[in-house]
Amino acid sequence: MNPGIVEEGGSTARTLIQSLTTTPMILALVVFNLFYIGTTTFFQMKQSERFTENQAIWERLTEKALAACTPALAPRP
């Protein structure tokens, strides 16, 4: 009988944990990479929020400048 996906996943996880316990340097690198990816994602999300806010401000300023520079369109008789 062939093992199912749960048994295969469990076997793979056990093998991974055993290999990481024998090589702590690799475990440290994995932990560091997870931390790095998490902090980078967080800061990129915050940067995106600031960019969106700045873009909205820029659009409002541009609309005001264009409104001040162009004459109002009067209705034609």
Protein backbone atom coordinates (compact mmCIF):
# COMPACT_ATOMS: atom_id res chain seq x y z
CA MET A 1 0.00 0.00 0.00
CA ASN A 2 1.32 3.41 -0.96
CA PRO A 3 1.59 6.04 1.77
CA GLY A 4 -0.71 9.03 1.48
CA ILE A 5 0.19 12.67 1.24
CA VAL A 6 0.00 13.18 5.00
CA GLU A 7 2.49 10.36 5.67
CA GLU A 8 4.82 11.67 2.98
CA GLY A 9 4.61 15.20 4.35
CA GLY A 10 5.28 13.97 7.88
CA SER A 11 8.25 11.92 6.72
CA THR A 12 9.67 14.90 4.86
CA ALA A 13 9.17 17.18 7.87
CA ARG A 14 10.90 14.68 10.19
CA THR A 15 13.83 14.39 7.80
CA LEU A 16 14.09 18.17 7.53
CA ILE A 17 14.05 18.67 11.30
CA GLN A 18 16.66 15.94 11.82
CA SER A 19 18.96 17.49 9.22
CA LEU A 20 18.55 20.95 10.75
CA THR A 21 19.39 19.70 14.25
CA THR A 22 22.69 18.27 12.98
CA THR A 23 23.64 21.53 11.21
CA PRO A 24 22.78 24.54 13.42
CA MET A 25 24.36 27.01 10.98
CA ILE A 26 21.80 26.17 8.32
CA LEU A 27 19.03 26.50 10.91
CA ALA A 28 20.35 29.94 11.83
CA LEU A 29 20.38 30.96 8.17
CA VAL A 30 16.80 29.76 7.70
CA VAL A 31 15.64 31.72 10.74
CA PHE A 32 17.52 34.81 9.56
CA ASN A 33 16.03 34.54 6.06
CA LEU A 34 12.50 34.25 7.45
CA PHE A 35 13.10 37.30 9.64
CA TYR A 36 14.59 39.22 6.72
CA ILE A 37 11.69 38.38 4.40
CA GLY A 38 9.19 39.38 7.09
CA THR A 39 10.78 42.75 7.83
CA THR A 40 11.30 43.52 4.15
CA THR A 41 7.65 42.75 3.41
CA PHE A 42 6.52 44.94 6.31
CA PHE A 43 8.61 47.91 5.22
CA GLN A 44 7.55 47.55 1.59
CA MET A 45 3.90 47.59 2.64
CA LYS A 46 4.46 50.77 4.67
CA GLN A 47 6.33 52.36 1.74
CA SER A 48 3.43 51.50 -0.56
CA GLU A 49 0.96 53.17 1.80
CA ARG A 50 3.07 56.32 1.94
CA PHE A 51 3.42 56.35 -1.84
CA THR A 52 -0.36 56.11 -2.25
CA GLU A 53 -0.89 59.00 0.18
CA ASN A 54 1.73 61.13 -1.57
CA GLN A 55 0.22 60.36 -4.95
CA ALA A 56 -3.20 61.57 -3.77
CA ILE A 57 -1.66 64.79 -2.42
CA TRP A 58 0.21 65.32 -5.71
CA GLU A 59 -2.99 64.85 -7.71
CA ARG A 60 -4.85 67.43 -5.61
CA LEU A 61 -2.00 69.95 -5.97
CA THR A 62 -1.87 69.39 -9.72
CA GLU A 63 -5.62 69.91 -10.03
CA LYS A 64 -5.37 73.18 -8.07
CA ALA A 65 -2.47 74.41 -10.19
CA LEU A 66 -4.26 73.57 -13.43
CA ALA A 67 -7.45 75.21 -12.20
CA ALA A 68 -5.51 78.38 -11.34
CA CYS A 69 -3.68 78.47 -14.68
CA THR A 70 -6.58 77.89 -17.05
CA PRO A 71 -9.35 80.42 -17.53
CA ALA A 72 -12.82 79.38 -16.56
CA LEU A 73 -14.90 78.31 -19.52
CA ALA A 74 -17.77 80.72 -19.94
CA PRO A 75 -20.95 79.53 -21.60
CA ARG A 76 -21.22 80.66 -25.22
CA PRO A 77 -24.20 82.75 -26.22
